[in-house]
PDB file of N, CA and C in Angstrom:
ATOM      1  N   MET A   1     128.914  62.282  77.214  1.00  0.00           N
ATOM      2  CA  MET A   1     127.538  62.679  76.813  1.00  0.00           C
ATOM      3  C   MET A   1     128.356  63.548  75.558  1.00  0.00           C
ATOM      4  N   ILE A   2     127.686  63.987  74.721  1.00  0.00           N
ATOM      5  CA  ILE A   2     127.843  64.663  73.186  1.00  0.00           C
ATOM      6  C   ILE A   2     127.132  65.952  73.633  1.00  0.00           C
ATOM      7  N   ASP A   3     127.734  66.606  72.979  1.00  0.00           N
ATOM      8  CA  ASP A   3     127.342  68.290  72.421  1.00  0.00           C
ATOM      9  C   ASP A   3     125.578  68.364  71.685  1.00  0.00           C
ATOM     10  N   ASP A   4     124.938  68.506  72.744  1.00  0.00           N
ATOM     11  CA  ASP A   4     123.969  68.378  72.002  1.00  0.00           C
ATOM     12  C   ASP A   4     123.795  69.750  70.655  1.00  0.00           C
ATOM     13  N   GLU A   5     124.079  70.631  70.511  1.00  0.00           N
ATOM     14  CA  GLU A   5     124.499  71.982  69.624  1.00  0.00           C
ATOM     15  C   GLU A   5     124.773  70.964  68.610  1.00  0.00           C
ATOM     16  N   ARG A   6     126.028  70.216  68.688  1.00  0.00           N
ATOM     17  CA  ARG A   6     126.570  70.065  67.583  1.00  0.00           C
ATOM     18  C   ARG A   6     125.505  68.846  66.898  1.00  0.00           C
ATOM     19  N   LEU A   7     124.850  68.223  67.639  1.00  0.00           N
ATOM     20  CA  LEU A   7     124.196  67.460  67.076  1.00  0.00           C
ATOM     21  C   LEU A   7     122.918  67.956  66.260  1.00  0.00           C
ATOM     22  N   ARG A   8     122.774  69.306  66.973  1.00  0.00           N
ATOM     23  CA  ARG A   8     121.336  70.470  66.666  1.00  0.00           C
ATOM     24  C   ARG A   8     121.817  70.667  64.513  1.00  0.00           C
ATOM     25  N   ARG A   9     123.179  71.249  64.972  1.00  0.00           N
ATOM     26  CA  ARG A   9     123.881  71.570  64.078  1.00  0.00           C
ATOM     27  C   ARG A   9     124.284  70.485  63.112  1.00  0.00           C
ATOM     28  N   VAL A  10     124.099  69.162  63.138  1.00  0.00           N
ATOM     29  CA  VAL A  10     123.678  68.487  62.093  1.00  0.00           C
ATOM     30  C   VAL A  10     122.402  67.845  61.634  1.00  0.00           C
ATOM     31  N   PHE A  11     121.789  67.956  61.782  1.00  0.00           N
ATOM     32  CA  PHE A  11     120.359  68.085  62.190  1.00  0.00           C
ATOM     33  C   PHE A  11     119.763  69.331  60.940  1.00  0.00           C
ATOM     34  N   ARG A  12     120.935  70.363  61.384  1.00  0.00           N
ATOM     35  CA  ARG A  12     119.503  71.343  60.858  1.00  0.00           C
ATOM     36  C   ARG A  12     120.513  71.407  59.030  1.00  0.00           C
ATOM     37  N   SER A  13     121.649  71.220  59.573  1.00  0.00           N
ATOM     38  CA  SER A  13     122.151  71.031  58.280  1.00  0.00           C
ATOM     39  C   SER A  13     122.026  69.653  57.111  1.00  0.00           C
ATOM     40  N   ALA A  14     122.105  68.929  58.082  1.00  0.00           N
ATOM     41  CA  ALA A  14     121.093  67.236  57.121  1.00  0.00           C
ATOM     42  C   ALA A  14     120.058  68.020  56.697  1.00  0.00           C
ATOM     43  N   LEU A  15     118.892  68.759  57.025  1.00  0.00           N
ATOM     44  CA  LEU A  15     117.759  68.545  56.738  1.00  0.00           C
ATOM     45  C   LEU A  15     117.521  69.966  56.286  1.00  0.00           C
ATOM     46  N   ASP A  16     118.461  70.694  56.102  1.00  0.00           N
ATOM     47  CA  ASP A  16     118.038  72.063  55.431  1.00  0.00           C
ATOM     48  C   ASP A  16     117.129  72.892  56.331  1.00  0.00           C
ATOM     49  N   LEU A  17     117.198  73.114  57.922  1.00  0.00           N
ATOM     50  CA  LEU A  17     116.227  73.540  58.346  1.00  0.00           C
ATOM     51  C   LEU A  17     117.140  75.086  59.549  1.00  0.00           C
ATOM     52  N   GLY A  18     116.198  75.960  58.893  1.00  0.00           N
ATOM     53  CA  GLY A  18     116.449  76.775  59.548  1.00  0.00           C
ATOM     54  C   GLY A  18     116.865  77.094  61.077  1.00  0.00           C
ATOM     55  N   GLU A  19     117.857  78.263  61.099  1.00  0.00           N
ATOM     56  CA  GLU A  19     117.971  78.270  63.484  1.00  0.00           C
ATOM     57  C   GLU A  19     116.683  78.240  64.149  1.00  0.00           C
ATOM     58  N   ASP A  20     115.043  78.539  63.434  1.00  0.00           N
ATOM     59  CA  ASP A  20     114.418  79.092  64.247  1.00  0.00           C
ATOM     60  C   ASP A  20     113.601  77.663  64.403  1.00  0.00           C
ATOM     61  N   VAL A  21     114.308  76.527  63.528  1.00  0.00           N
ATOM     62  CA  VAL A  21     113.754  74.926  64.504  1.00  0.00           C
ATOM     63  C   VAL A  21     113.747  75.238  65.445  1.00  0.00           C
ATOM     64  N   VAL A  22     112.934  74.394  66.157  1.00  0.00           N
ATOM     65  CA  VAL A  22     113.308  73.245  67.479  1.00  0.00           C
ATOM     66  C   VAL A  22     113.796  72.042  67.338  1.00  0.00           C
ATOM     67  N   VAL A  23     115.184  72.184  66.698  1.00  0.00           N
ATOM     68  CA  VAL A  23     115.341  70.389  66.588  1.00  0.00           C
ATOM     69  C   VAL A  23     115.136  69.304  67.016  1.00  0.00           C
ATOM     70  N   ASP A  24     114.736  70.148  68.949  1.00  0.00           N
ATOM     71  CA  ASP A  24     114.553  68.851  69.957  1.00  0.00           C
ATOM     72  C   ASP A  24     113.631  68.353  69.933  1.00  0.00           C
ATOM     73  N   VAL A  25     113.185  68.669  69.508  1.00  0.00           N
ATOM     74  CA  VAL A  25     111.171  67.981  69.036  1.00  0.00           C
ATOM     75  C   VAL A  25     110.966  67.269  67.880  1.00  0.00           C
ATOM     76  N   LEU A  26     111.590  67.476  66.500  1.00  0.00           N
ATOM     77  CA  LEU A  26     111.734  66.830  65.670  1.00  0.00           C
ATOM     78  C   LEU A  26     111.235  65.234  66.240  1.00  0.00           C
ATOM     79  N   GLU A  27     110.480  64.530  64.675  1.00  0.00           N
ATOM     80  CA  GLU A  27     110.074  63.782  65.299  1.00  0.00           C
ATOM     81  C   GLU A  27     110.330  62.687  63.295  1.00  0.00           C
ATOM     82  N   TYR A  28     111.190  61.928  62.816  1.00  0.00           N
ATOM     83  CA  TYR A  28     110.623  61.501  61.362  1.00  0.00           C
ATOM     84  C   TYR A  28     109.485  61.454  60.910  1.00  0.00           C
ATOM     85  N   ARG A  29     109.596  61.894  59.909  1.00  0.00           N
ATOM     86  CA  ARG A  29     107.951  62.199  59.031  1.00  0.00           C
ATOM     87  C   ARG A  29     106.970  63.444  59.891  1.00  0.00           C
ATOM     88  N   GLY A  30     107.842  64.260  60.670  1.00  0.00           N
ATOM     89  CA  GLY A  30     106.893  64.901  61.436  1.00  0.00           C
ATOM     90  C   GLY A  30     107.291  66.300  60.812  1.00  0.00           C
ATOM     91  N   ILE A  31     107.942  66.144  59.758  1.00  0.00           N
ATOM     92  CA  ILE A  31     108.182  67.114  59.094  1.00  0.00           C
ATOM     93  C   ILE A  31     108.386  67.538  57.096  1.00  0.00           C
ATOM     94  N   ASP A  32     107.847  67.408  57.006  1.00  0.00           N
ATOM     95  CA  ASP A  32     108.225  68.009  54.714  1.00  0.00           C
ATOM     96  C   ASP A  32     109.994  67.269  54.364  1.00  0.00           C
ATOM     97  N   LYS A  33     110.105  67.870  55.024  1.00  0.00           N
ATOM     98  CA  LYS A  33     111.512  67.897  55.155  1.00  0.00           C
ATOM     99  C   LYS A  33     112.504  66.273  55.443  1.00  0.00           C
ATOM    100  N   TRP A  34     111.982  65.707  56.199  1.00  0.00           N
ATOM    101  CA  TRP A  34     112.194  64.381  56.913  1.00  0.00           C
ATOM    102  C   TRP A  34     111.690  63.486  56.354  1.00  0.00           C
ATOM    103  N   ASP A  35     111.633  63.293  55.058  1.00  0.00           N
ATOM    104  CA  ASP A  35     111.274  61.482  54.667  1.00  0.00           C
ATOM    105  C   ASP A  35     113.007  61.182  54.556  1.00  0.00           C
ATOM    106  N   SER A  36     112.004  60.587  53.822  1.00  0.00           N
ATOM    107  CA  SER A  36     112.994  58.474  54.094  1.00  0.00           C
ATOM    108  C   SER A  36     114.531  59.042  53.202  1.00  0.00           C
ATOM    109  N   LEU A  37     114.801  60.041  52.260  1.00  0.00           N
ATOM    110  CA  LEU A  37     115.640  60.246  51.268  1.00  0.00           C
ATOM    111  C   LEU A  37     116.480  61.520  52.609  1.00  0.00           C
ATOM    112  N   ALA A  38     116.012  61.863  53.110  1.00  0.00           N
ATOM    113  CA  ALA A  38     116.256  62.705  53.777  1.00  0.00           C
ATOM    114  C   ALA A  38     117.557  62.150  55.392  1.00  0.00           C
ATOM    115  N   HIS A  39     117.229  61.018  55.879  1.00  0.00           N
ATOM    116  CA  HIS A  39     116.868  60.405  57.036  1.00  0.00           C
ATOM    117  C   HIS A  39     118.092  59.783  56.775  1.00  0.00           C
ATOM    118  N   MET A  40     117.958  58.990  55.439  1.00  0.00           N
ATOM    119  CA  MET A  40     119.351  58.465  54.671  1.00  0.00           C
ATOM    120  C   MET A  40     121.135  59.675  54.706  1.00  0.00           C
ATOM    121  N   SER A  41     120.475  60.674  54.182  1.00  0.00           N
ATOM    122  CA  SER A  41     121.756  61.905  53.842  1.00  0.00           C
ATOM    123  C   SER A  41     121.752  62.158  55.956  1.00  0.00           C
ATOM    124  N   LEU A  42     120.885  62.282  56.481  1.00  0.00           N
ATOM    125  CA  LEU A  42     121.067  62.629  58.251  1.00  0.00           C
ATOM    126  C   LEU A  42     121.726  61.429  58.773  1.00  0.00           C
ATOM    127  N   VAL A  43     121.510  59.874  58.063  1.00  0.00           N
ATOM    128  CA  VAL A  43     122.375  58.839  58.725  1.00  0.00           C
ATOM    129  C   VAL A  43     123.734  59.046  58.380  1.00  0.00           C
ATOM    130  N   ALA A  44     124.297  59.381  57.198  1.00  0.00           N
ATOM    131  CA  ALA A  44     125.105  59.843  56.454  1.00  0.00           C
ATOM    132  C   ALA A  44     126.103  61.181  57.392  1.00  0.00           C
ATOM    133  N   ALA A  45     125.530  62.269  58.294  1.00  0.00           N
ATOM    134  CA  ALA A  45     126.117  63.354  58.346  1.00  0.00           C
ATOM    135  C   ALA A  45     126.445  62.497  59.502  1.00  0.00           C
ATOM    136  N   LEU A  46     125.146  62.119  60.190  1.00  0.00           N
ATOM    137  CA  LEU A  46     125.861  61.862  61.312  1.00  0.00           C
ATOM    138  C   LEU A  46     127.516  60.969  61.707  1.00  0.00           C
ATOM    139  N   GLU A  47     126.967  60.236  61.316  1.00  0.00           N
ATOM    140  CA  GLU A  47     128.401  58.983  60.597  1.00  0.00           C
ATOM    141  C   GLU A  47     129.574  59.737  60.221  1.00  0.00           C
ATOM    142  N   ASP A  48     129.401  60.650  59.776  1.00  0.00           N
ATOM    143  CA  ASP A  48     130.973  61.346  59.427  1.00  0.00           C
ATOM    144  C   ASP A  48     130.898  62.477  60.795  1.00  0.00           C
ATOM    145  N   GLU A  49     129.808  62.885  60.931  1.00  0.00           N
ATOM    146  CA  GLU A  49     129.775  63.819  62.254  1.00  0.00           C
ATOM    147  C   GLU A  49     130.679  63.695  63.729  1.00  0.00           C
ATOM    148  N   PHE A  50     130.312  61.885  63.670  1.00  0.00           N
ATOM    149  CA  PHE A  50     130.786  61.534  64.781  1.00  0.00           C
ATOM    150  C   PHE A  50     131.605  60.815  64.606  1.00  0.00           C
ATOM    151  N   ASP A  51     132.126  60.423  63.227  1.00  0.00           N
ATOM    152  CA  ASP A  51     132.580  59.667  63.388  1.00  0.00           C
ATOM    153  C   ASP A  51     132.610  57.618  64.005  1.00  0.00           C
ATOM    154  N   ILE A  52     131.380  57.624  62.884  1.00  0.00           N
ATOM    155  CA  ILE A  52     130.532  56.157  64.072  1.00  0.00           C
ATOM    156  C   ILE A  52     130.403  55.551  62.477  1.00  0.00           C
ATOM    157  N   MET A  53     129.517  54.532  62.522  1.00  0.00           N
ATOM    158  CA  MET A  53     129.091  54.090  61.585  1.00  0.00           C
ATOM    159  C   MET A  53     127.720  52.897  62.302  1.00  0.00           C
ATOM    160  N   ILE A  54     126.281  53.109  61.656  1.00  0.00           N
ATOM    161  CA  ILE A  54     125.037  52.875  62.372  1.00  0.00           C
ATOM    162  C   ILE A  54     124.856  52.083  61.795  1.00  0.00           C
ATOM    163  N   ASP A  55     124.465  51.078  62.576  1.00  0.00           N
ATOM    164  CA  ASP A  55     123.810  49.779  61.520  1.00  0.00           C
ATOM    165  C   ASP A  55     122.090  49.879  61.291  1.00  0.00           C
ATOM    166  N   ILE A  56     121.642  49.026  60.743  1.00  0.00           N
ATOM    167  CA  ILE A  56     120.806  48.812  59.740  1.00  0.00           C
ATOM    168  C   ILE A  56     119.443  49.175  61.105  1.00  0.00           C
ATOM    169  N   ASP A  57     119.565  48.222  61.791  1.00  0.00           N
ATOM    170  CA  ASP A  57     118.387  48.357  63.460  1.00  0.00           C
ATOM    171  C   ASP A  57     118.476  49.136  63.921  1.00  0.00           C
ATOM    172  N   ASP A  58     119.466  50.625  63.746  1.00  0.00           N
ATOM    173  CA  ASP A  58     119.701  51.455  64.565  1.00  0.00           C
ATOM    174  C   ASP A  58     118.797  52.809  63.167  1.00  0.00           C
ATOM    175  N   VAL A  59     119.113  52.882  61.839  1.00  0.00           N
ATOM    176  CA  VAL A  59     119.008  53.577  60.910  1.00  0.00           C
ATOM    177  C   VAL A  59     117.129  53.286  60.710  1.00  0.00           C
ATOM    178  N   ILE A  60     116.713  51.864  61.261  1.00  0.00           N
ATOM    179  CA  ILE A  60     115.371  52.185  61.062  1.00  0.00           C
ATOM    180  C   ILE A  60     114.356  52.509  62.083  1.00  0.00           C
ATOM    181  N   ASP A  61     115.142  52.549  63.733  1.00  0.00           N
ATOM    182  CA  ASP A  61     114.618  53.231  64.910  1.00  0.00           C
ATOM    183  C   ASP A  61     114.963  54.386  65.334  1.00  0.00           C
ATOM    184  N   MET A  62     116.070  55.616  64.326  1.00  0.00           N
ATOM    185  CA  MET A  62     115.800  56.191  64.933  1.00  0.00           C
ATOM    186  C   MET A  62     114.590  57.401  64.123  1.00  0.00           C
ATOM    187  N   SER A  63     114.353  57.662  64.773  1.00  0.00           N
ATOM    188  CA  SER A  63     112.743  57.874  64.807  1.00  0.00           C
ATOM    189  C   SER A  63     112.394  59.487  65.207  1.00  0.00           C
ATOM    190  N   SER A  64     113.768  60.035  65.913  1.00  0.00           N
ATOM    191  CA  SER A  64     113.123  61.254  66.089  1.00  0.00           C
ATOM    192  C   SER A  64     114.998  61.658  66.369  1.00  0.00           C
ATOM    193  N   PHE A  65     114.643  63.594  67.251  1.00  0.00           N
ATOM    194  CA  PHE A  65     116.309  63.886  67.805  1.00  0.00           C
ATOM    195  C   PHE A  65     116.385  62.732  68.458  1.00  0.00           C
ATOM    196  N   SER A  66     115.408  62.886  69.926  1.00  0.00           N
ATOM    197  CA  SER A  66     116.034  62.434  71.263  1.00  0.00           C
ATOM    198  C   SER A  66     116.656  60.689  70.850  1.00  0.00           C
ATOM    199  N   LYS A  67     115.776  59.897  69.659  1.00  0.00           N
ATOM    200  CA  LYS A  67     116.464  58.741  69.490  1.00  0.00           C
ATOM    201  C   LYS A  67     117.705  59.104  69.193  1.00  0.00           C
ATOM    202  N   ALA A  68     117.977  60.115  67.449  1.00  0.00           N
ATOM    203  CA  ALA A  68     119.367  59.808  67.564  1.00  0.00           C
ATOM    204  C   ALA A  68     120.216  60.738  68.508  1.00  0.00           C
ATOM    205  N   ARG A  69     120.054  61.021  69.554  1.00  0.00           N
ATOM    206  CA  ARG A  69     121.288  61.488  70.420  1.00  0.00           C
ATOM    207  C   ARG A  69     121.758  60.244  70.921  1.00  0.00           C
ATOM    208  N   GLU A  70     120.068  59.099  71.409  1.00  0.00           N
ATOM    209  CA  GLU A  70     121.344  57.964  71.685  1.00  0.00           C
ATOM    210  C   GLU A  70     121.740  56.860  71.290  1.00  0.00           C
ATOM    211  N   LEU A  71     121.221  57.074  70.006  1.00  0.00           N
ATOM    212  CA  LEU A  71     122.167  56.005  68.762  1.00  0.00           C
ATOM    213  C   LEU A  71     123.417  56.611  68.951  1.00  0.00           C
ATOM    214  N   VAL A  72     123.707  58.104  69.382  1.00  0.00           N
ATOM    215  CA  VAL A  72     125.199  58.581  69.056  1.00  0.00           C
ATOM    216  C   VAL A  72     125.394  58.159  70.170  1.00  0.00           C
ATOM    217  N   GLU A  73     124.844  57.908  70.941  1.00  0.00           N
ATOM    218  CA  GLU A  73     125.802  58.344  72.547  1.00  0.00           C
ATOM    219  C   GLU A  73     126.008  56.738  72.793  1.00  0.00           C
ATOM    220  N   LYS A  74     125.666  55.939  71.993  1.00  0.00           N
ATOM    221  CA  LYS A  74     125.903  54.091  72.345  1.00  0.00           C
ATOM    222  C   LYS A  74     127.360  54.458  71.684  1.00  0.00           C
ATOM    223  N   HIS A  75     126.862  54.617  70.482  1.00  0.00           N
ATOM    224  CA  HIS A  75     128.597  54.320  69.691  1.00  0.00           C
ATOM    225  C   HIS A  75     129.828  55.436  69.940  1.00  0.00           C
ATOM    226  N   VAL A  76     129.452  56.517  70.139  1.00  0.00           N
ATOM    227  CA  VAL A  76     130.778  57.259  70.394  1.00  0.00           C
ATOM    228  C   VAL A  76     131.527  56.862  71.956  1.00  0.00           C
ATOM    229  N   VAL A  77     132.819  56.421  71.993  1.00  0.00           N
ATOM    230  CA  VAL A  77     133.505  56.625  72.609  1.00  0.00           C
ATOM    231  C   VAL A  77     134.227  57.116  73.228  1.00  0.00           C
TER     232      VAL A  77
END
């Protein structure tokens, strides 16, 4: 199981979000800052932080914070 706070920090950093933003409910394109370019930056940040490689199908499927958590848990050994 991954540390949700660590995942939240990655989201806040990659999407340039303040501490006041409730990250756990975020969805792709649900906020202006999470557009297609930011999505790719988020994917890169997740890969760096958790030392994983995310395949294209998972990149496309990563539509929310909760989906990102599932994806990272799937890849982290």
